[in-house]
Amino acid sequence: MKAIRVHQTGGPEVMRLEDVPDPRPERGQVVVRVRAAGVNPVDTYLRSGLYPIKAPLPYTPGLDAAGTVEAVGDGVSRVRAGDRVYTGWNLSGAYADLVLCTEAQVHPLPGSITFQQGAAVNTPYATAFRALHQRGRALPGETVLVHGASGGVGVAAVQLARAAGLRIIATAGTAKGRDLAGEQGAHHVLDHRKAPDYFRTIAELTGGRGVDVILEMLANVNLGMDLKALAPGGRVVVIGSRGTVEIDPRDTMGRDAAILGMSLYNLGAADAACIHAALVAGLENGTLRPIVGRELPLRDAPRAHALIMEPGSFGKIVLIP
């Protein structure tokens, strides 16, 4: 089969399309024929070698895929050959024709959802669900601020928040992105390139009270301002950061506020099962609608890694084997 391989860490150019042996399932394992693979910022961090978690070299990148079950090992009972599935992580890397998974890592993909959309489910939607519900403990009626609401995680967060009965203030850096956030259910959409002015608008929109939960994609830029925008008892969930930041701790003290970090690498089996049960239900009932912004052939993985780090994200980038 064909697969993208990384033999040394570095820039996007270290990824090469190569021939590798087909994976074969052992007991409790599933092989999925990849119809689309999702590209995530964390894929670029792992490839660069700068992420705290190191991938063993050589390796095939990619956490997310969607396709059909090709083969199952002994003891597998939840899926069978031919089933449409999306993967919630995997064992062998998703940038490939075939991907090896444990049985617990594959989830049913409703017929109403395309394979391209299915490849946009796992990392963005699991991240958004964990940030909003498991870490941020958002409740119906509360107000949530979603930074970067036009990207994969941002779109997922807006849809999940709307389905849960939250009031949503979203930000995006382009007119196209702001339109997308509004279409997905945000009640108010602001231009985050106009910082810090848009934080004054947030105060006006909340009657000076502030927001209850903030989903923060770029903490090194926004965290100090986020803390001043919180309501009493407010929570900031840090989903992403590309550097250090200086804050005033008194901004947390006066509000009894909390800064909460999160990473899917810390996700336990029970929480993962909870997340994917909710995501499959949302895909089935139509409240979750992954947005694919760009499709590229598998050989263009280096270009995909460059594109996903550019500002002005719009939906999800997927690779097609």
C-alpha atoms as a PDB file:
ATOM      1  CA  MET A   1       0.000   0.000   0.000  1.00  0.00           C
ATOM      2  CA  LYS A   2       0.969   3.669  -0.242  1.00  0.00           C
ATOM      3  CA  ALA A   3       1.654   5.666   2.921  1.00  0.00           C
ATOM      4  CA  ILE A   4       3.272   8.932   3.934  1.00  0.00           C
ATOM      5  CA  ARG A   5       6.413   8.205   5.938  1.00  0.00           C
ATOM      6  CA  VAL A   6       8.550  10.416   8.178  1.00  0.00           C
ATOM      7  CA  HIS A   7      12.140   9.197   8.686  1.00  0.00           C
ATOM      8  CA  GLN A   8      13.431  12.333  10.418  1.00  0.00           C
ATOM      9  CA  THR A   9      11.784  15.271  12.107  1.00  0.00           C
ATOM     10  CA  GLY A  10      11.713  18.636  10.431  1.00  0.00           C
ATOM     11  CA  GLY A  11       9.636  20.706   8.030  1.00  0.00           C
ATOM     12  CA  PRO A  12       6.806  19.467   5.811  1.00  0.00           C
ATOM     13  CA  GLU A  13       9.323  18.294   3.212  1.00  0.00           C
ATOM     14  CA  VAL A  14      10.393  15.355   5.427  1.00  0.00           C
ATOM     15  CA  MET A  15       7.125  13.579   4.545  1.00  0.00           C
ATOM     16  CA  ARG A  16       7.459  11.182   1.606  1.00  0.00           C
ATOM     17  CA  LEU A  17       4.959   8.911  -0.149  1.00  0.00           C
ATOM     18  CA  GLU A  18       6.301   5.348  -0.041  1.00  0.00           C
ATOM     19  CA  ASP A  19       5.297   1.726  -0.559  1.00  0.00           C
ATOM     20  CA  VAL A  20       4.889  -0.157   2.733  1.00  0.00           C
ATOM     21  CA  PRO A  21       3.449  -3.584   3.655  1.00  0.00           C
ATOM     22  CA  ASP A  22      -0.303  -3.841   4.216  1.00  0.00           C
ATOM     23  CA  PRO A  23      -1.207  -4.055   7.927  1.00  0.00           C
ATOM     24  CA  ARG A  24      -2.781  -7.301   9.125  1.00  0.00           C
ATOM     25  CA  PRO A  25      -5.109  -7.362  12.127  1.00  0.00           C
ATOM     26  CA  GLU A  26      -4.232  -9.358  15.209  1.00  0.00           C
ATOM     27  CA  ARG A  27      -6.716 -10.255  17.919  1.00  0.00           C
ATOM     28  CA  GLY A  28      -8.938  -7.309  18.813  1.00  0.00           C
ATOM     29  CA  GLN A  29      -7.721  -5.236  15.865  1.00  0.00           C
ATOM     30  CA  VAL A  30      -9.373  -3.785  12.760  1.00  0.00           C
ATOM     31  CA  VAL A  31      -7.936  -2.720   9.392  1.00  0.00           C
ATOM     32  CA  VAL A  32      -9.762   0.195   7.734  1.00  0.00           C
ATOM     33  CA  ARG A  33      -9.549   1.103   4.054  1.00  0.00           C
ATOM     34  CA  VAL A  34      -8.942   4.864   4.236  1.00  0.00           C
ATOM     35  CA  ARG A  35     -11.208   6.973   2.038  1.00  0.00           C
ATOM     36  CA  ALA A  36     -10.140  10.249   3.661  1.00  0.00           C
ATOM     37  CA  ALA A  37      -7.621  11.237   6.354  1.00  0.00           C
ATOM     38  CA  GLY A  38      -7.900  14.337   8.507  1.00  0.00           C
ATOM     39  CA  VAL A  39      -5.047  16.825   8.930  1.00  0.00           C
ATOM     40  CA  ASN A  40      -4.634  18.461  12.348  1.00  0.00           C
ATOM     41  CA  PRO A  41      -2.195  21.020  13.770  1.00  0.00           C
ATOM     42  CA  VAL A  42      -0.907  18.378  16.192  1.00  0.00           C
ATOM     43  CA  ASP A  43       0.249  16.360  13.173  1.00  0.00           C
ATOM     44  CA  THR A  44       2.609  19.216  12.289  1.00  0.00           C
ATOM     45  CA  TYR A  45       3.889  19.495  15.854  1.00  0.00           C
ATOM     46  CA  LEU A  46       4.732  15.781  15.957  1.00  0.00           C
ATOM     47  CA  ARG A  47       6.412  15.932  12.533  1.00  0.00           C
ATOM     48  CA  SER A  48       8.550  18.903  13.578  1.00  0.00           C
ATOM     49  CA  GLY A  49       9.906  17.066  16.618  1.00  0.00           C
ATOM     50  CA  LEU A  50       9.122  20.059  18.848  1.00  0.00           C
ATOM     51  CA  TYR A  51       6.093  18.487  20.559  1.00  0.00           C
ATOM     52  CA  PRO A  52       6.585  17.091  24.091  1.00  0.00           C
ATOM     53  CA  ILE A  53       5.378  13.697  22.838  1.00  0.00           C
ATOM     54  CA  LYS A  54       7.779  12.141  20.338  1.00  0.00           C
ATOM     55  CA  ALA A  55       6.694   9.815  17.553  1.00  0.00           C
ATOM     56  CA  PRO A  56       9.035   6.825  17.038  1.00  0.00           C
ATOM     57  CA  LEU A  57      10.877   7.102  13.722  1.00  0.00           C
ATOM     58  CA  PRO A  58      10.070   6.161  11.037  1.00  0.00           C
ATOM     59  CA  TYR A  59       6.317   6.608  11.286  1.00  0.00           C
ATOM     60  CA  THR A  60       3.176   7.417   9.287  1.00  0.00           C
ATOM     61  CA  PRO A  61       1.399  10.606  10.480  1.00  0.00           C
ATOM     62  CA  GLY A  62      -2.308  11.046  11.028  1.00  0.00           C
ATOM     63  CA  LEU A  63      -4.717  10.431  13.893  1.00  0.00           C
ATOM     64  CA  ASP A  64      -8.029  10.658  12.020  1.00  0.00           C
ATOM     65  CA  ALA A  65      -9.498   8.705   9.138  1.00  0.00           C
ATOM     66  CA  ALA A  66     -12.781   7.490   7.699  1.00  0.00           C
ATOM     67  CA  GLY A  67     -13.457   4.587   5.397  1.00  0.00           C
ATOM     68  CA  THR A  68     -14.675   1.017   5.311  1.00  0.00           C
ATOM     69  CA  VAL A  69     -13.611  -1.948   7.409  1.00  0.00           C
ATOM     70  CA  GLU A  70     -11.240  -4.081   5.324  1.00  0.00           C
ATOM     71  CA  ALA A  71     -10.562  -6.910   7.786  1.00  0.00           C
ATOM     72  CA  VAL A  72     -11.012  -7.760  11.463  1.00  0.00           C
ATOM     73  CA  GLY A  73      -8.998  -9.901  13.841  1.00  0.00           C
ATOM     74  CA  ASP A  74     -10.212 -12.605  16.192  1.00  0.00           C
ATOM     75  CA  GLY A  75     -12.507 -11.451  18.962  1.00  0.00           C
ATOM     76  CA  VAL A  76     -13.805  -8.359  17.148  1.00  0.00           C
ATOM     77  CA  SER A  77     -17.590  -8.169  17.395  1.00  0.00           C
ATOM     78  CA  ARG A  78     -18.589  -4.492  17.065  1.00  0.00           C
ATOM     79  CA  VAL A  79     -17.727  -4.130  13.368  1.00  0.00           C
ATOM     80  CA  ARG A  80     -17.343  -6.347  10.324  1.00  0.00           C
ATOM     81  CA  ALA A  81     -15.878  -6.061   6.836  1.00  0.00           C
ATOM     82  CA  GLY A  82     -17.637  -3.436   4.749  1.00  0.00           C
ATOM     83  CA  ASP A  83     -18.879  -1.291   7.644  1.00  0.00           C
ATOM     84  CA  ARG A  84     -18.522   2.492   7.268  1.00  0.00           C
ATOM     85  CA  VAL A  85     -16.472   3.866  10.179  1.00  0.00           C
ATOM     86  CA  TYR A  86     -14.424   6.788  11.387  1.00  0.00           C
ATOM     87  CA  THR A  87     -11.365   6.286  13.559  1.00  0.00           C
ATOM     88  CA  GLY A  88     -10.710   7.736  16.972  1.00  0.00           C
ATOM     89  CA  TRP A  89      -6.916   7.480  16.769  1.00  0.00           C
ATOM     90  CA  ASN A  90      -5.164   4.373  15.442  1.00  0.00           C
ATOM     91  CA  LEU A  91      -2.083   2.186  15.660  1.00  0.00           C
ATOM     92  CA  SER A  92      -0.336   2.720  12.327  1.00  0.00           C
ATOM     93  CA  GLY A  93      -1.037   6.264  11.021  1.00  0.00           C
ATOM     94  CA  ALA A  94      -3.925   7.571   8.929  1.00  0.00           C
ATOM     95  CA  TYR A  95      -1.993   9.093   5.995  1.00  0.00           C
ATOM     96  CA  ALA A  96      -2.166   5.785   4.126  1.00  0.00           C
ATOM     97  CA  ASP A  97      -4.325   3.485   2.010  1.00  0.00           C
ATOM     98  CA  LEU A  98      -4.981   1.267   5.052  1.00  0.00           C
ATOM     99  CA  VAL A  99      -4.877   1.987   8.779  1.00  0.00           C
ATOM    100  CA  LEU A 100      -4.659  -0.451  11.697  1.00  0.00           C
ATOM    101  CA  CYS A 101      -6.824   0.253  14.765  1.00  0.00           C
ATOM    102  CA  THR A 102      -7.995  -1.408  17.940  1.00  0.00           C
ATOM    103  CA  GLU A 103     -11.680  -2.283  18.013  1.00  0.00           C
ATOM    104  CA  ALA A 104     -12.284   0.548  20.499  1.00  0.00           C
ATOM    105  CA  GLN A 105     -10.778   3.061  18.052  1.00  0.00           C
ATOM    106  CA  VAL A 106     -13.391   2.602  15.297  1.00  0.00           C
ATOM    107  CA  HIS A 107     -16.864   4.115  15.432  1.00  0.00           C
ATOM    108  CA  PRO A 108     -19.903   3.877  13.135  1.00  0.00           C
ATOM    109  CA  LEU A 109     -20.175   6.516  10.436  1.00  0.00           C
ATOM    110  CA  PRO A 110     -23.816   7.287   9.536  1.00  0.00           C
ATOM    111  CA  GLY A 111     -24.726   7.090   5.871  1.00  0.00           C
ATOM    112  CA  SER A 112     -25.632  10.784   5.867  1.00  0.00           C
ATOM    113  CA  ILE A 113     -22.003  11.708   6.601  1.00  0.00           C
ATOM    114  CA  THR A 114     -19.412  11.572   3.796  1.00  0.00           C
ATOM    115  CA  PHE A 115     -16.019   9.956   4.286  1.00  0.00           C
ATOM    116  CA  GLN A 116     -14.441  13.408   3.992  1.00  0.00           C
ATOM    117  CA  GLN A 117     -16.663  14.631   6.823  1.00  0.00           C
ATOM    118  CA  GLY A 118     -15.929  11.476   8.795  1.00  0.00           C
ATOM    119  CA  ALA A 119     -12.209  12.242   8.616  1.00  0.00           C
ATOM    120  CA  ALA A 120     -13.025  15.605  10.220  1.00  0.00           C
ATOM    121  CA  VAL A 121     -14.665  14.106  13.306  1.00  0.00           C
ATOM    122  CA  ASN A 122     -12.205  12.634  15.776  1.00  0.00           C
ATOM    123  CA  THR A 123      -9.616  15.220  16.798  1.00  0.00           C
ATOM    124  CA  PRO A 124     -11.704  18.397  16.249  1.00  0.00           C
ATOM    125  CA  TYR A 125     -14.947  17.133  17.765  1.00  0.00           C
ATOM    126  CA  ALA A 126     -13.380  15.093  20.567  1.00  0.00           C
ATOM    127  CA  THR A 127     -11.246  18.112  21.497  1.00  0.00           C
ATOM    128  CA  ALA A 128     -14.233  20.458  21.453  1.00  0.00           C
ATOM    129  CA  PHE A 129     -16.420  18.065  23.453  1.00  0.00           C
ATOM    130  CA  ARG A 130     -13.753  17.452  26.092  1.00  0.00           C
ATOM    131  CA  ALA A 131     -12.960  21.161  26.375  1.00  0.00           C
ATOM    132  CA  LEU A 132     -16.586  22.275  26.555  1.00  0.00           C
ATOM    133  CA  HIS A 133     -18.151  19.536  28.665  1.00  0.00           C
ATOM    134  CA  GLN A 134     -15.519  17.426  30.444  1.00  0.00           C
ATOM    135  CA  ARG A 135     -13.069  20.208  31.333  1.00  0.00           C
ATOM    136  CA  GLY A 136     -15.104  23.409  31.072  1.00  0.00           C
ATOM    137  CA  ARG A 137     -18.282  21.860  32.582  1.00  0.00           C
ATOM    138  CA  ALA A 138     -20.420  24.180  30.464  1.00  0.00           C
ATOM    139  CA  LEU A 139     -24.103  24.234  31.402  1.00  0.00           C
ATOM    140  CA  PRO A 140     -27.203  25.144  29.373  1.00  0.00           C
ATOM    141  CA  GLY A 141     -27.870  28.858  29.606  1.00  0.00           C
ATOM    142  CA  GLU A 142     -24.226  29.808  30.141  1.00  0.00           C
ATOM    143  CA  THR A 143     -22.278  31.956  27.701  1.00  0.00           C
ATOM    144  CA  VAL A 144     -19.264  30.503  25.889  1.00  0.00           C
ATOM    145  CA  LEU A 145     -16.621  32.373  23.918  1.00  0.00           C
ATOM    146  CA  VAL A 146     -15.136  30.288  21.089  1.00  0.00           C
ATOM    147  CA  HIS A 147     -11.913  31.720  19.698  1.00  0.00           C
ATOM    148  CA  GLY A 148     -11.013  30.711  16.136  1.00  0.00           C
ATOM    149  CA  ALA A 149     -14.525  29.496  15.424  1.00  0.00           C
ATOM    150  CA  SER A 150     -13.957  28.919  11.689  1.00  0.00           C
ATOM    151  CA  GLY A 151     -11.364  26.164  12.137  1.00  0.00           C
ATOM    152  CA  GLY A 152     -12.006  22.478  12.712  1.00  0.00           C
ATOM    153  CA  VAL A 153     -12.176  22.626  16.513  1.00  0.00           C
ATOM    154  CA  GLY A 154     -13.986  25.961  16.467  1.00  0.00           C
ATOM    155  CA  VAL A 155     -16.751  24.749  14.155  1.00  0.00           C
ATOM    156  CA  ALA A 156     -17.163  21.630  16.299  1.00  0.00           C
ATOM    157  CA  ALA A 157     -17.343  23.721  19.472  1.00  0.00           C
ATOM    158  CA  VAL A 158     -20.017  26.030  18.045  1.00  0.00           C
ATOM    159  CA  GLN A 159     -22.186  23.107  16.945  1.00  0.00           C
ATOM    160  CA  LEU A 160     -21.776  21.286  20.270  1.00  0.00           C
ATOM    161  CA  ALA A 161     -22.470  24.432  22.280  1.00  0.00           C
ATOM    162  CA  ARG A 162     -25.592  25.244  20.284  1.00  0.00           C
ATOM    163  CA  ALA A 163     -26.903  21.695  20.729  1.00  0.00           C
ATOM    164  CA  ALA A 164     -26.301  22.000  24.486  1.00  0.00           C
ATOM    165  CA  GLY A 165     -28.264  25.232  24.880  1.00  0.00           C
ATOM    166  CA  LEU A 166     -25.403  27.663  25.436  1.00  0.00           C
ATOM    167  CA  ARG A 167     -25.222  31.277  24.279  1.00  0.00           C
ATOM    168  CA  ILE A 168     -22.289  31.508  21.869  1.00  0.00           C
ATOM    169  CA  ILE A 169     -19.937  34.389  21.133  1.00  0.00           C
ATOM    170  CA  ALA A 170     -17.493  33.369  18.403  1.00  0.00           C
ATOM    171  CA  THR A 171     -14.473  34.978  16.779  1.00  0.00           C
ATOM    172  CA  ALA A 172     -12.847  34.539  13.375  1.00  0.00           C
ATOM    173  CA  GLY A 173     -10.270  36.446  11.372  1.00  0.00           C
ATOM    174  CA  THR A 174     -11.951  36.620   7.953  1.00  0.00           C
ATOM    175  CA  ALA A 175     -15.389  37.603   6.693  1.00  0.00           C
ATOM    176  CA  LYS A 176     -15.804  34.109   5.221  1.00  0.00           C
ATOM    177  CA  GLY A 177     -14.903  32.544   8.562  1.00  0.00           C
ATOM    178  CA  ARG A 178     -17.277  34.814  10.464  1.00  0.00           C
ATOM    179  CA  ASP A 179     -20.091  33.907   8.089  1.00  0.00           C
ATOM    180  CA  LEU A 180     -19.333  30.215   8.689  1.00  0.00           C
ATOM    181  CA  ALA A 181     -19.426  30.615  12.480  1.00  0.00           C
ATOM    182  CA  GLY A 182     -22.777  32.331  12.259  1.00  0.00           C
ATOM    183  CA  GLU A 183     -24.165  29.661   9.956  1.00  0.00           C
ATOM    184  CA  GLN A 184     -23.120  26.960  12.428  1.00  0.00           C
ATOM    185  CA  GLY A 185     -25.075  28.559  15.259  1.00  0.00           C
ATOM    186  CA  ALA A 186     -23.046  31.313  16.930  1.00  0.00           C
ATOM    187  CA  HIS A 187     -25.296  34.063  18.313  1.00  0.00           C
ATOM    188  CA  HIS A 188     -22.642  36.776  17.937  1.00  0.00           C
ATOM    189  CA  VAL A 189     -19.510  36.689  15.746  1.00  0.00           C
ATOM    190  CA  LEU A 190     -16.594  39.110  16.193  1.00  0.00           C
ATOM    191  CA  ASP A 191     -13.367  39.873  14.297  1.00  0.00           C
ATOM    192  CA  HIS A 192     -10.479  38.647  16.466  1.00  0.00           C
ATOM    193  CA  ARG A 193      -7.992  40.667  14.435  1.00  0.00           C
ATOM    194  CA  LYS A 194      -9.398  43.722  16.200  1.00  0.00           C
ATOM    195  CA  ALA A 195      -8.018  42.811  19.614  1.00  0.00           C
ATOM    196  CA  PRO A 196      -8.324  44.199  22.190  1.00  0.00           C
ATOM    197  CA  ASP A 197     -11.332  46.160  20.923  1.00  0.00           C
ATOM    198  CA  TYR A 198     -13.526  43.111  20.468  1.00  0.00           C
ATOM    199  CA  PHE A 199     -13.158  42.272  24.154  1.00  0.00           C
ATOM    200  CA  ARG A 200     -14.990  45.524  24.910  1.00  0.00           C
ATOM    201  CA  THR A 201     -17.775  44.291  22.640  1.00  0.00           C
ATOM    202  CA  ILE A 202     -17.895  41.048  24.621  1.00  0.00           C
ATOM    203  CA  ALA A 203     -18.398  43.042  27.804  1.00  0.00           C
ATOM    204  CA  GLU A 204     -21.257  44.937  26.159  1.00  0.00           C
ATOM    205  CA  LEU A 205     -22.885  41.750  24.877  1.00  0.00           C
ATOM    206  CA  THR A 206     -22.860  40.244  28.378  1.00  0.00           C
ATOM    207  CA  GLY A 207     -24.030  43.383  30.163  1.00  0.00           C
ATOM    208  CA  GLY A 208     -20.639  43.722  31.826  1.00  0.00           C
ATOM    209  CA  ARG A 209     -20.899  40.300  33.482  1.00  0.00           C
ATOM    210  CA  GLY A 210     -18.472  38.446  31.218  1.00  0.00           C
ATOM    211  CA  VAL A 211     -18.547  34.948  29.759  1.00  0.00           C
ATOM    212  CA  ASP A 212     -18.735  31.690  31.683  1.00  0.00           C
ATOM    213  CA  VAL A 213     -16.463  29.528  29.527  1.00  0.00           C
ATOM    214  CA  ILE A 214     -13.745  30.437  27.034  1.00  0.00           C
ATOM    215  CA  LEU A 215     -12.325  27.895  24.590  1.00  0.00           C
ATOM    216  CA  GLU A 216      -8.857  29.210  23.859  1.00  0.00           C
ATOM    217  CA  MET A 217      -6.980  28.084  20.718  1.00  0.00           C
ATOM    218  CA  LEU A 218      -4.033  30.517  21.011  1.00  0.00           C
ATOM    219  CA  ALA A 219      -3.356  31.111  24.686  1.00  0.00           C
ATOM    220  CA  ASN A 220      -0.012  32.817  24.176  1.00  0.00           C
ATOM    221  CA  VAL A 221      -1.872  35.679  22.462  1.00  0.00           C
ATOM    222  CA  ASN A 222      -5.200  35.828  24.275  1.00  0.00           C
ATOM    223  CA  LEU A 223      -4.970  34.386  27.784  1.00  0.00           C
ATOM    224  CA  GLY A 224      -4.290  37.658  29.590  1.00  0.00           C
ATOM    225  CA  MET A 225      -7.301  39.298  27.941  1.00  0.00           C
ATOM    226  CA  ASP A 226      -9.421  36.175  28.416  1.00  0.00           C
ATOM    227  CA  LEU A 227      -9.105  36.384  32.191  1.00  0.00           C
ATOM    228  CA  LYS A 228     -10.470  39.906  32.217  1.00  0.00           C
ATOM    229  CA  ALA A 229     -13.449  38.799  30.082  1.00  0.00           C
ATOM    230  CA  LEU A 230     -14.627  36.061  32.472  1.00  0.00           C
ATOM    231  CA  ALA A 231     -17.750  36.121  34.587  1.00  0.00           C
ATOM    232  CA  PRO A 232     -17.557  35.167  38.283  1.00  0.00           C
ATOM    233  CA  GLY A 233     -16.669  31.480  38.449  1.00  0.00           C
ATOM    234  CA  GLY A 234     -15.604  31.538  34.795  1.00  0.00           C
ATOM    235  CA  ARG A 235     -13.326  28.969  33.196  1.00  0.00           C
ATOM    236  CA  VAL A 236     -10.746  29.242  30.415  1.00  0.00           C
ATOM    237  CA  VAL A 237      -9.917  25.934  28.734  1.00  0.00           C
ATOM    238  CA  VAL A 238      -6.571  26.089  26.945  1.00  0.00           C
ATOM    239  CA  ILE A 239      -6.784  24.006  23.780  1.00  0.00           C
ATOM    240  CA  GLY A 240      -3.776  25.461  21.969  1.00  0.00           C
ATOM    241  CA  SER A 241      -0.766  27.703  22.510  1.00  0.00           C
ATOM    242  CA  ARG A 242       2.332  28.490  20.496  1.00  0.00           C
ATOM    243  CA  GLY A 243       4.476  30.114  23.153  1.00  0.00           C
ATOM    244  CA  THR A 244       4.575  31.662  26.602  1.00  0.00           C
ATOM    245  CA  VAL A 245       2.354  34.381  28.029  1.00  0.00           C
ATOM    246  CA  GLU A 246       2.383  36.730  30.999  1.00  0.00           C
ATOM    247  CA  ILE A 247      -0.825  37.063  33.042  1.00  0.00           C
ATOM    248  CA  ASP A 248      -1.924  38.862  36.181  1.00  0.00           C
ATOM    249  CA  PRO A 249      -3.022  36.177  38.701  1.00  0.00           C
ATOM    250  CA  ARG A 250      -5.281  38.740  40.397  1.00  0.00           C
ATOM    251  CA  ASP A 251      -7.578  38.468  37.381  1.00  0.00           C
ATOM    252  CA  THR A 252      -8.339  34.917  38.514  1.00  0.00           C
ATOM    253  CA  MET A 253      -8.616  35.759  42.216  1.00  0.00           C
ATOM    254  CA  GLY A 254     -11.292  38.426  41.902  1.00  0.00           C
ATOM    255  CA  ARG A 255     -13.508  36.135  39.852  1.00  0.00           C
ATOM    256  CA  ASP A 256     -12.776  32.749  41.432  1.00  0.00           C
ATOM    257  CA  ALA A 257     -11.775  31.896  37.885  1.00  0.00           C
ATOM    258  CA  ALA A 258      -9.982  28.790  36.642  1.00  0.00           C
ATOM    259  CA  ILE A 259      -7.473  28.123  33.869  1.00  0.00           C
ATOM    260  CA  LEU A 260      -7.812  24.537  32.669  1.00  0.00           C
ATOM    261  CA  GLY A 261      -5.474  22.792  30.279  1.00  0.00           C
ATOM    262  CA  MET A 262      -6.410  19.839  28.121  1.00  0.00           C
ATOM    263  CA  SER A 263      -4.862  17.358  25.714  1.00  0.00           C
ATOM    264  CA  LEU A 264      -6.435  14.349  24.052  1.00  0.00           C
ATOM    265  CA  TYR A 265      -3.262  12.454  24.917  1.00  0.00           C
ATOM    266  CA  ASN A 266      -4.528  12.478  28.522  1.00  0.00           C
ATOM    267  CA  LEU A 267      -7.895  10.997  27.542  1.00  0.00           C
ATOM    268  CA  GLY A 268      -8.804   7.817  29.417  1.00  0.00           C
ATOM    269  CA  ALA A 269     -10.821   4.955  27.967  1.00  0.00           C
ATOM    270  CA  ALA A 270     -14.017   5.811  29.850  1.00  0.00           C
ATOM    271  CA  ASP A 271     -13.971   9.478  28.829  1.00  0.00           C
ATOM    272  CA  ALA A 272     -13.169   8.528  25.222  1.00  0.00           C
ATOM    273  CA  ALA A 273     -16.123   6.139  25.105  1.00  0.00           C
ATOM    274  CA  CYS A 274     -18.389   8.884  26.493  1.00  0.00           C
ATOM    275  CA  ILE A 275     -17.173  11.373  23.893  1.00  0.00           C
ATOM    276  CA  HIS A 276     -17.651   9.104  20.903  1.00  0.00           C
ATOM    277  CA  ALA A 277     -21.083   7.944  22.059  1.00  0.00           C
ATOM    278  CA  ALA A 278     -22.124  11.611  22.054  1.00  0.00           C
ATOM    279  CA  LEU A 279     -20.449  12.346  18.702  1.00  0.00           C
ATOM    280  CA  VAL A 280     -22.037   9.390  16.919  1.00  0.00           C
ATOM    281  CA  ALA A 281     -25.447  10.446  18.266  1.00  0.00           C
ATOM    282  CA  GLY A 282     -24.876  14.014  17.056  1.00  0.00           C
ATOM    283  CA  LEU A 283     -23.854  12.798  13.593  1.00  0.00           C
ATOM    284  CA  GLU A 284     -26.944  10.609  13.441  1.00  0.00           C
ATOM    285  CA  ASN A 285     -29.407  13.297  14.501  1.00  0.00           C
ATOM    286  CA  GLY A 286     -27.826  16.038  12.393  1.00  0.00           C
ATOM    287  CA  THR A 287     -26.723  18.427  15.149  1.00  0.00           C
ATOM    288  CA  LEU A 288     -23.077  17.770  14.222  1.00  0.00           C
ATOM    289  CA  ARG A 289     -22.115  18.605  10.651  1.00  0.00           C
ATOM    290  CA  PRO A 290     -18.351  18.523   9.964  1.00  0.00           C
ATOM    291  CA  ILE A 291     -17.208  21.185   7.515  1.00  0.00           C
ATOM    292  CA  VAL A 292     -14.495  20.251   5.006  1.00  0.00           C
ATOM    293  CA  GLY A 293     -12.710  23.298   3.697  1.00  0.00           C
ATOM    294  CA  ARG A 294     -10.169  21.643   1.395  1.00  0.00           C
ATOM    295  CA  GLU A 295      -9.425  18.217  -0.092  1.00  0.00           C
ATOM    296  CA  LEU A 296      -5.931  17.284  -1.294  1.00  0.00           C
ATOM    297  CA  PRO A 297      -4.449  14.048  -2.650  1.00  0.00           C
ATOM    298  CA  LEU A 298      -2.380  12.016  -0.199  1.00  0.00           C
ATOM    299  CA  ARG A 299       0.868  12.900  -1.975  1.00  0.00           C
ATOM    300  CA  ASP A 300       0.225  16.567  -1.112  1.00  0.00           C
ATOM    301  CA  ALA A 301       0.548  15.987   2.644  1.00  0.00           C
ATOM    302  CA  PRO A 302       3.474  18.468   2.840  1.00  0.00           C
ATOM    303  CA  ARG A 303       1.286  21.182   1.313  1.00  0.00           C
ATOM    304  CA  ALA A 304      -1.547  20.315   3.712  1.00  0.00           C
ATOM    305  CA  HIS A 305       0.816  20.771   6.669  1.00  0.00           C
ATOM    306  CA  ALA A 306       1.830  24.192   5.412  1.00  0.00           C
ATOM    307  CA  LEU A 307      -1.766  25.258   4.792  1.00  0.00           C
ATOM    308  CA  ILE A 308      -3.104  24.217   8.187  1.00  0.00           C
ATOM    309  CA  MET A 309      -0.669  26.528   9.979  1.00  0.00           C
ATOM    310  CA  GLU A 310      -1.704  29.593   7.985  1.00  0.00           C
ATOM    311  CA  PRO A 311      -4.141  32.100   9.545  1.00  0.00           C
ATOM    312  CA  GLY A 312      -7.719  32.339   8.332  1.00  0.00           C
ATOM    313  CA  SER A 313      -8.638  28.681   8.720  1.00  0.00           C
ATOM    314  CA  PHE A 314     -11.915  27.512   7.213  1.00  0.00           C
ATOM    315  CA  GLY A 315     -13.186  24.073   8.076  1.00  0.00           C
ATOM    316  CA  LYS A 316     -11.067  20.939   7.858  1.00  0.00           C
ATOM    317  CA  ILE A 317      -8.279  19.870   5.505  1.00  0.00           C
ATOM    318  CA  VAL A 318      -8.477  16.210   4.432  1.00  0.00           C
ATOM    319  CA  LEU A 319      -6.208  13.984   2.354  1.00  0.00           C
ATOM    320  CA  ILE A 320      -7.631  11.541  -0.195  1.00  0.00           C
ATOM    321  CA  PRO A 321      -5.574   8.361  -0.837  1.00  0.00           C
END
